[in-house]
Amino acid sequence: MKINIDTAIKNLAINLKRLRKDKEISQAKISFKLDIEICNYQKLEYGMSKHFRFSTLIKILNYYNTTLQKLIKQVDLKKKGDHTD
């Protein structure tokens, strides 16, 4: 599967927001739990950051118990509750 950076960032943003909302947690709380600045988390969720730390990515993957491939995968917006498969 080939994916370009813009598509990956867009899908990452969509999936992060959906995962966070599924947990019913605010951006402030998730950034606190991940020990990252809220503005950096917001940039990821808004698709405005192409450059971020690998350690931030690992924290996100661990928190949501997911993989990078699932996090950047395009989701079917019609499916509800199945965000990373």
C-alpha atoms as a PDB file:
ATOM      1  CA  MET A   1       0.000   0.000   0.000  1.00  0.00           C
ATOM      2  CA  LYS A   2       1.466   3.341  -1.037  1.00  0.00           C
ATOM      3  CA  ILE A   3       0.383   6.488   0.716  1.00  0.00           C
ATOM      4  CA  ASN A   4       1.616  10.049   0.355  1.00  0.00           C
ATOM      5  CA  ILE A   5       2.441  12.300   3.292  1.00  0.00           C
ATOM      6  CA  ASP A   6      -0.554  14.610   2.843  1.00  0.00           C
ATOM      7  CA  THR A   7      -2.973  11.688   2.842  1.00  0.00           C
ATOM      8  CA  ALA A   8      -1.272  10.138   5.864  1.00  0.00           C
ATOM      9  CA  ILE A   9      -1.465  13.403   7.831  1.00  0.00           C
ATOM     10  CA  LYS A  10      -5.129  13.877   6.886  1.00  0.00           C
ATOM     11  CA  ASN A  11      -6.025  10.331   7.930  1.00  0.00           C
ATOM     12  CA  LEU A  12      -3.986  10.653  11.127  1.00  0.00           C
ATOM     13  CA  ALA A  13      -5.902  13.804  12.046  1.00  0.00           C
ATOM     14  CA  ILE A  14      -9.296  12.218  11.378  1.00  0.00           C
ATOM     15  CA  ASN A  15      -8.435   9.048  13.285  1.00  0.00           C
ATOM     16  CA  LEU A  16      -6.954  10.880  16.270  1.00  0.00           C
ATOM     17  CA  LYS A  17     -10.053  12.996  16.670  1.00  0.00           C
ATOM     18  CA  ARG A  18     -12.378  10.000  16.371  1.00  0.00           C
ATOM     19  CA  LEU A  19     -10.365   7.908  18.825  1.00  0.00           C
ATOM     20  CA  ARG A  20     -10.280  10.760  21.332  1.00  0.00           C
ATOM     21  CA  LYS A  21     -13.999  11.400  21.029  1.00  0.00           C
ATOM     22  CA  ASP A  22     -14.706   7.679  21.466  1.00  0.00           C
ATOM     23  CA  LYS A  23     -12.908   7.897  24.804  1.00  0.00           C
ATOM     24  CA  GLU A  24     -14.902  11.053  25.605  1.00  0.00           C
ATOM     25  CA  ILE A  25     -11.764  12.931  26.559  1.00  0.00           C
ATOM     26  CA  SER A  26     -10.790  16.535  25.852  1.00  0.00           C
ATOM     27  CA  GLN A  27      -7.708  17.613  23.934  1.00  0.00           C
ATOM     28  CA  ALA A  28      -6.369  19.106  27.165  1.00  0.00           C
ATOM     29  CA  LYS A  29      -6.742  15.821  29.049  1.00  0.00           C
ATOM     30  CA  ILE A  30      -5.224  13.705  26.304  1.00  0.00           C
ATOM     31  CA  SER A  31      -2.259  16.034  25.926  1.00  0.00           C
ATOM     32  CA  PHE A  32      -1.753  15.887  29.700  1.00  0.00           C
ATOM     33  CA  LYS A  33      -1.946  12.075  29.707  1.00  0.00           C
ATOM     34  CA  LEU A  34       0.525  11.893  26.806  1.00  0.00           C
ATOM     35  CA  ASP A  35       2.771  14.535  28.399  1.00  0.00           C
ATOM     36  CA  ILE A  36       2.834  16.726  25.294  1.00  0.00           C
ATOM     37  CA  GLU A  37       1.916  20.369  24.798  1.00  0.00           C
ATOM     38  CA  ILE A  38      -1.752  20.837  23.953  1.00  0.00           C
ATOM     39  CA  CYS A  39      -0.885  22.995  20.941  1.00  0.00           C
ATOM     40  CA  ASN A  40       1.227  20.152  19.530  1.00  0.00           C
ATOM     41  CA  TYR A  41      -1.593  17.663  20.011  1.00  0.00           C
ATOM     42  CA  GLN A  42      -4.056  20.062  18.410  1.00  0.00           C
ATOM     43  CA  LYS A  43      -1.795  20.484  15.384  1.00  0.00           C
ATOM     44  CA  LEU A  44      -1.801  16.711  14.908  1.00  0.00           C
ATOM     45  CA  GLU A  45      -5.550  16.464  15.276  1.00  0.00           C
ATOM     46  CA  TYR A  46      -6.124  19.392  12.898  1.00  0.00           C
ATOM     47  CA  GLY A  47      -3.733  17.936  10.322  1.00  0.00           C
ATOM     48  CA  MET A  48      -1.410  20.926  10.598  1.00  0.00           C
ATOM     49  CA  SER A  49       1.790  19.141  11.611  1.00  0.00           C
ATOM     50  CA  LYS A  50       3.983  17.175   9.238  1.00  0.00           C
ATOM     51  CA  HIS A  51       6.899  17.219  11.663  1.00  0.00           C
ATOM     52  CA  PHE A  52       6.565  15.786  15.127  1.00  0.00           C
ATOM     53  CA  ARG A  53       8.677  13.719  17.467  1.00  0.00           C
ATOM     54  CA  PHE A  54       8.853   9.983  17.134  1.00  0.00           C
ATOM     55  CA  SER A  55       8.381   9.785  20.906  1.00  0.00           C
ATOM     56  CA  THR A  56       5.039  11.596  20.509  1.00  0.00           C
ATOM     57  CA  LEU A  57       3.925   9.066  17.926  1.00  0.00           C
ATOM     58  CA  ILE A  58       4.895   6.171  20.205  1.00  0.00           C
ATOM     59  CA  LYS A  59       2.951   7.710  23.107  1.00  0.00           C
ATOM     60  CA  ILE A  60      -0.134   8.042  20.904  1.00  0.00           C
ATOM     61  CA  LEU A  61       0.139   4.485  19.572  1.00  0.00           C
ATOM     62  CA  ASN A  62       0.538   3.091  23.084  1.00  0.00           C
ATOM     63  CA  TYR A  63      -2.306   5.137  24.537  1.00  0.00           C
ATOM     64  CA  TYR A  64      -4.755   4.049  21.849  1.00  0.00           C
ATOM     65  CA  ASN A  65      -3.266   0.551  21.629  1.00  0.00           C
ATOM     66  CA  THR A  66      -2.990   0.768  17.864  1.00  0.00           C
ATOM     67  CA  THR A  67      -0.422   0.668  15.074  1.00  0.00           C
ATOM     68  CA  LEU A  68       0.870   3.345  12.755  1.00  0.00           C
ATOM     69  CA  GLN A  69      -0.671   1.551   9.798  1.00  0.00           C
ATOM     70  CA  LYS A  70      -4.098   1.638  11.424  1.00  0.00           C
ATOM     71  CA  LEU A  71      -3.679   5.241  12.544  1.00  0.00           C
ATOM     72  CA  ILE A  72      -2.953   6.522   9.036  1.00  0.00           C
ATOM     73  CA  LYS A  73      -5.440   4.253   7.295  1.00  0.00           C
ATOM     74  CA  GLN A  74      -8.377   5.916   5.600  1.00  0.00           C
ATOM     75  CA  VAL A  75     -11.532   5.153   7.528  1.00  0.00           C
ATOM     76  CA  ASP A  76     -14.989   4.562   6.187  1.00  0.00           C
ATOM     77  CA  LEU A  77     -16.903   7.454   7.708  1.00  0.00           C
ATOM     78  CA  LYS A  78     -20.135   5.478   7.406  1.00  0.00           C
ATOM     79  CA  LYS A  79     -18.844   2.814   9.811  1.00  0.00           C
ATOM     80  CA  LYS A  80     -19.397   3.781  13.396  1.00  0.00           C
ATOM     81  CA  GLY A  81     -17.362   2.298  16.200  1.00  0.00           C
ATOM     82  CA  ASP A  82     -14.795   0.652  13.916  1.00  0.00           C
ATOM     83  CA  HIS A  83     -12.103   3.288  13.617  1.00  0.00           C
ATOM     84  CA  THR A  84      -8.794   1.499  13.361  1.00  0.00           C
ATOM     85  CA  ASP A  85      -9.541  -1.767  11.582  1.00  0.00           C
END
